[in-house]
């Protein structure tokens, strides 16, 4: 399963939908940033930012584009850099 591109894409789609739903809730439905759902989302994003050095180490042999690595790791975390390290996703 870890080498299946559809598995990783599904995880990334759900994570992307989570972000869209939370920001739509806050922006368009009057949700407050002090509620638990937006706060969980911010914690997820912060955890992904902390993964950047690990992603750089894991993808060093693939010579990733730094901008792509930072953006994709911040948004998707290990659901991007693990498949990228296996060659399932492009690192450049």
N, C-alpha and C. Protein backbone atom coordinates (compact mmCIF):
# COMPACT_ATOMS: atom_id res chain seq x y z
N UNK A 1 0.82 -1.19 0.00
CA UNK A 1 0.00 0.00 0.00
C UNK A 1 0.87 1.26 0.00
N UNK A 2 2.02 1.24 0.66
CA UNK A 2 2.87 2.41 0.74
C UNK A 2 3.49 2.78 -0.60
N UNK A 3 3.49 1.87 -1.56
CA UNK A 3 4.01 2.16 -2.89
C UNK A 3 2.90 2.44 -3.89
N UNK A 4 1.69 2.57 -3.42
CA UNK A 4 0.54 2.80 -4.29
C UNK A 4 0.26 4.30 -4.39
N UNK A 5 0.40 4.86 -5.58
CA UNK A 5 0.20 6.30 -5.76
C UNK A 5 -1.22 6.73 -5.40
N UNK A 6 -2.21 5.91 -5.70
CA UNK A 6 -3.59 6.26 -5.37
C UNK A 6 -3.82 6.38 -3.87
N UNK A 7 -3.13 5.57 -3.09
CA UNK A 7 -3.22 5.66 -1.63
C UNK A 7 -2.76 7.04 -1.16
N UNK A 8 -1.59 7.48 -1.62
CA UNK A 8 -1.05 8.78 -1.22
C UNK A 8 -1.89 9.92 -1.76
N UNK A 9 -2.37 9.81 -2.97
CA UNK A 9 -3.23 10.86 -3.53
C UNK A 9 -4.52 10.99 -2.73
N UNK A 10 -5.08 9.88 -2.32
CA UNK A 10 -6.30 9.91 -1.52
C UNK A 10 -6.06 10.63 -0.19
N UNK A 11 -4.95 10.32 0.47
CA UNK A 11 -4.63 11.02 1.71
C UNK A 11 -4.48 12.52 1.48
N UNK A 12 -3.80 12.90 0.39
CA UNK A 12 -3.60 14.31 0.10
C UNK A 12 -4.90 15.01 -0.26
N UNK A 13 -5.78 14.34 -0.97
CA UNK A 13 -7.08 14.93 -1.31
C UNK A 13 -7.87 15.19 -0.04
N UNK A 14 -7.92 14.24 0.87
CA UNK A 14 -8.65 14.44 2.12
C UNK A 14 -8.05 15.56 2.95
N UNK A 15 -6.74 15.64 3.00
CA UNK A 15 -6.10 16.72 3.74
C UNK A 15 -6.40 18.07 3.09
N UNK A 16 -6.35 18.13 1.77
CA UNK A 16 -6.71 19.37 1.06
C UNK A 16 -8.16 19.76 1.28
N UNK A 17 -9.05 18.79 1.26
CA UNK A 17 -10.46 19.07 1.52
C UNK A 17 -10.67 19.57 2.95
N UNK A 18 -9.91 19.04 3.88
CA UNK A 18 -9.98 19.51 5.26
C UNK A 18 -9.63 20.99 5.32
N UNK A 19 -8.51 21.37 4.67
CA UNK A 19 -8.11 22.78 4.67
C UNK A 19 -9.18 23.67 4.05
N UNK A 20 -9.71 23.25 2.92
CA UNK A 20 -10.74 24.05 2.24
C UNK A 20 -11.97 24.18 3.13
N UNK A 21 -12.40 23.11 3.74
CA UNK A 21 -13.60 23.15 4.59
C UNK A 21 -13.39 24.07 5.80
N UNK A 22 -12.22 23.98 6.42
CA UNK A 22 -11.96 24.81 7.60
C UNK A 22 -11.91 26.28 7.23
N UNK A 23 -11.19 26.61 6.17
CA UNK A 23 -11.08 28.02 5.80
C UNK A 23 -12.40 28.57 5.27
N UNK A 24 -13.18 27.75 4.59
CA UNK A 24 -14.51 28.19 4.16
C UNK A 24 -15.40 28.42 5.38
N UNK A 25 -15.29 27.56 6.36
CA UNK A 25 -16.06 27.71 7.60
C UNK A 25 -15.71 29.03 8.29
N UNK A 26 -14.43 29.31 8.38
CA UNK A 26 -14.00 30.53 9.07
C UNK A 26 -14.35 31.77 8.25
N UNK A 27 -14.09 31.73 6.96
CA UNK A 27 -14.27 32.92 6.13
C UNK A 27 -15.72 33.22 5.78
N UNK A 28 -16.49 32.18 5.47
CA UNK A 28 -17.82 32.41 4.91
C UNK A 28 -18.97 32.08 5.86
N UNK A 29 -18.71 31.32 6.90
CA UNK A 29 -19.80 30.90 7.77
C UNK A 29 -19.68 31.49 9.17
N UNK A 30 -18.77 32.42 9.34
CA UNK A 30 -18.66 33.11 10.62
C UNK A 30 -18.00 32.32 11.72
N UNK A 31 -17.28 31.27 11.36
CA UNK A 31 -16.58 30.52 12.39
C UNK A 31 -15.47 31.35 13.00
N UNK A 32 -15.12 31.08 14.21
CA UNK A 32 -14.09 31.83 14.90
C UNK A 32 -12.80 31.02 14.97
N UNK A 33 -11.68 31.74 14.94
CA UNK A 33 -10.38 31.07 15.00
C UNK A 33 -10.11 30.47 16.37
N UNK A 34 -10.86 30.83 17.38
CA UNK A 34 -10.62 30.26 18.70
C UNK A 34 -11.40 28.97 18.94
N UNK A 35 -12.06 28.46 17.93
CA UNK A 35 -12.75 27.17 18.05
C UNK A 35 -11.76 26.04 17.76
N UNK A 36 -12.11 24.84 18.11
CA UNK A 36 -11.15 23.73 18.06
C UNK A 36 -10.78 23.31 16.65
N UNK A 37 -11.69 23.34 15.69
CA UNK A 37 -11.37 22.84 14.34
C UNK A 37 -10.30 23.69 13.66
N UNK A 38 -10.44 25.02 13.63
CA UNK A 38 -9.36 25.81 13.04
C UNK A 38 -8.04 25.68 13.81
N UNK A 39 -8.13 25.53 15.11
CA UNK A 39 -6.91 25.39 15.90
C UNK A 39 -6.20 24.08 15.59
N UNK A 40 -6.95 23.02 15.40
CA UNK A 40 -6.35 21.74 15.01
C UNK A 40 -5.66 21.89 13.65
N UNK A 41 -6.29 22.61 12.75
CA UNK A 41 -5.71 22.83 11.43
C UNK A 41 -4.40 23.60 11.54
N UNK A 42 -4.35 24.61 12.37
CA UNK A 42 -3.11 25.36 12.56
C UNK A 42 -2.02 24.49 13.19
N UNK A 43 -2.40 23.61 14.08
CA UNK A 43 -1.42 22.68 14.68
C UNK A 43 -0.89 21.73 13.62
N UNK A 44 -1.76 21.24 12.75
CA UNK A 44 -1.33 20.35 11.65
C UNK A 44 -0.34 21.08 10.75
N UNK A 45 -0.65 22.32 10.37
CA UNK A 45 0.25 23.09 9.53
C UNK A 45 1.58 23.35 10.23
N UNK A 46 1.54 23.65 11.51
CA UNK A 46 2.78 23.88 12.26
C UNK A 46 3.62 22.61 12.33
N UNK A 47 2.98 21.48 12.53
CA UNK A 47 3.71 20.20 12.55
C UNK A 47 4.35 19.93 11.20
N UNK A 48 3.66 20.28 10.13
CA UNK A 48 4.21 20.08 8.79
C UNK A 48 5.42 20.98 8.56
N UNK A 49 5.37 22.19 9.07
CA UNK A 49 6.53 23.09 8.94
C UNK A 49 7.73 22.49 9.67
N UNK A 50 7.49 21.88 10.81
CA UNK A 50 8.58 21.24 11.55
C UNK A 50 9.14 20.01 10.83
N UNK A 51 8.41 19.46 9.87
CA UNK A 51 8.88 18.32 9.09
C UNK A 51 9.84 18.71 7.98
N UNK A 52 9.95 19.98 7.66
CA UNK A 52 10.76 20.41 6.51
C UNK A 52 12.21 19.93 6.60
N UNK A 53 12.91 20.08 7.74
CA UNK A 53 14.29 19.57 7.78
C UNK A 53 14.38 18.06 7.53
N UNK A 54 13.43 17.30 8.07
CA UNK A 54 13.42 15.86 7.84
C UNK A 54 13.17 15.55 6.37
N UNK A 55 12.23 16.27 5.77
CA UNK A 55 11.95 16.07 4.34
C UNK A 55 13.17 16.39 3.50
N UNK A 56 13.90 17.46 3.86
CA UNK A 56 15.11 17.81 3.12
C UNK A 56 16.14 16.68 3.20
N UNK A 57 16.27 16.10 4.38
CA UNK A 57 17.22 14.99 4.56
C UNK A 57 16.79 13.77 3.76
N UNK A 58 15.50 13.43 3.83
CA UNK A 58 15.00 12.23 3.15
C UNK A 58 15.03 12.38 1.62
N UNK A 59 14.90 13.60 1.12
CA UNK A 59 14.85 13.83 -0.32
C UNK A 59 16.17 14.32 -0.89
N UNK A 60 17.23 14.38 -0.09
CA UNK A 60 18.51 14.92 -0.55
C UNK A 60 19.04 14.19 -1.79
N UNK A 61 18.87 12.90 -1.85
CA UNK A 61 19.37 12.13 -3.00
C UNK A 61 18.58 12.40 -4.27
N UNK A 62 17.38 12.92 -4.14
CA UNK A 62 16.53 13.20 -5.31
C UNK A 62 16.69 14.64 -5.79
N UNK A 63 17.51 15.43 -5.09
CA UNK A 63 17.78 16.83 -5.46
C UNK A 63 16.49 17.61 -5.68
N UNK A 64 15.68 17.78 -4.63
CA UNK A 64 14.38 18.44 -4.79
C UNK A 64 14.51 19.95 -4.99
N UNK A 65 13.52 20.52 -5.65
CA UNK A 65 13.43 21.97 -5.75
C UNK A 65 13.02 22.49 -4.37
N UNK A 66 13.78 23.43 -3.83
CA UNK A 66 13.55 23.89 -2.47
C UNK A 66 12.16 24.48 -2.27
N UNK A 67 11.71 25.29 -3.21
CA UNK A 67 10.38 25.89 -3.10
C UNK A 67 9.28 24.85 -3.07
N UNK A 68 9.39 23.87 -3.96
CA UNK A 68 8.39 22.79 -4.00
C UNK A 68 8.41 22.00 -2.69
N UNK A 69 9.61 21.70 -2.21
CA UNK A 69 9.72 20.94 -0.96
C UNK A 69 9.07 21.69 0.19
N UNK A 70 9.31 22.98 0.30
CA UNK A 70 8.75 23.76 1.40
C UNK A 70 7.23 23.85 1.30
N UNK A 71 6.73 24.17 0.12
CA UNK A 71 5.27 24.32 -0.04
C UNK A 71 4.55 22.99 0.16
N UNK A 72 5.01 21.96 -0.51
CA UNK A 72 4.32 20.67 -0.44
C UNK A 72 4.42 20.04 0.95
N UNK A 73 5.57 20.19 1.61
CA UNK A 73 5.69 19.65 2.96
C UNK A 73 4.83 20.43 3.93
N UNK A 74 4.76 21.76 3.76
CA UNK A 74 3.91 22.56 4.64
C UNK A 74 2.44 22.18 4.48
N UNK A 75 2.01 21.95 3.27
CA UNK A 75 0.60 21.62 3.05
C UNK A 75 0.27 20.16 3.35
N UNK A 76 1.13 19.25 2.94
CA UNK A 76 0.78 17.83 3.00
C UNK A 76 1.66 16.98 3.92
N UNK A 77 2.77 17.53 4.38
CA UNK A 77 3.62 16.80 5.32
C UNK A 77 4.14 15.49 4.78
N UNK A 78 4.16 14.50 5.64
CA UNK A 78 4.73 13.22 5.24
C UNK A 78 3.94 12.51 4.14
N UNK A 79 2.70 12.92 3.92
CA UNK A 79 1.94 12.31 2.82
C UNK A 79 2.43 12.81 1.47
N UNK A 80 3.34 13.78 1.47
CA UNK A 80 4.00 14.19 0.23
C UNK A 80 5.44 13.71 0.19
N UNK A 81 6.21 13.94 1.25
CA UNK A 81 7.63 13.64 1.13
C UNK A 81 7.98 12.16 1.20
N UNK A 82 7.16 11.34 1.84
CA UNK A 82 7.45 9.90 1.82
C UNK A 82 7.29 9.34 0.40
N UNK A 83 6.16 9.60 -0.29
CA UNK A 83 6.09 9.10 -1.66
C UNK A 83 7.11 9.76 -2.60
N UNK A 84 7.45 11.02 -2.35
CA UNK A 84 8.46 11.68 -3.18
C UNK A 84 9.82 11.02 -2.99
N UNK A 85 10.11 10.58 -1.78
CA UNK A 85 11.38 9.91 -1.54
C UNK A 85 11.44 8.54 -2.21
N UNK A 86 10.28 7.94 -2.45
CA UNK A 86 10.22 6.64 -3.13
C UNK A 86 10.07 6.77 -4.64
N UNK A 87 9.97 8.01 -5.13
CA UNK A 87 9.84 8.23 -6.56
C UNK A 87 8.41 8.19 -7.06
N UNK A 88 7.44 8.11 -6.15
CA UNK A 88 6.04 8.06 -6.54
C UNK A 88 5.58 9.44 -7.00
N UNK A 89 6.02 10.48 -6.30
CA UNK A 89 5.75 11.87 -6.68
C UNK A 89 7.06 12.48 -7.18
N UNK A 90 6.97 13.45 -8.08
CA UNK A 90 8.20 14.14 -8.50
C UNK A 90 8.70 15.06 -7.40
N UNK A 91 9.99 15.12 -7.23
CA UNK A 91 10.60 16.00 -6.22
C UNK A 91 10.99 17.35 -6.82
N UNK A 92 11.01 17.47 -8.11
CA UNK A 92 11.37 18.73 -8.79
C UNK A 92 10.16 19.37 -9.38
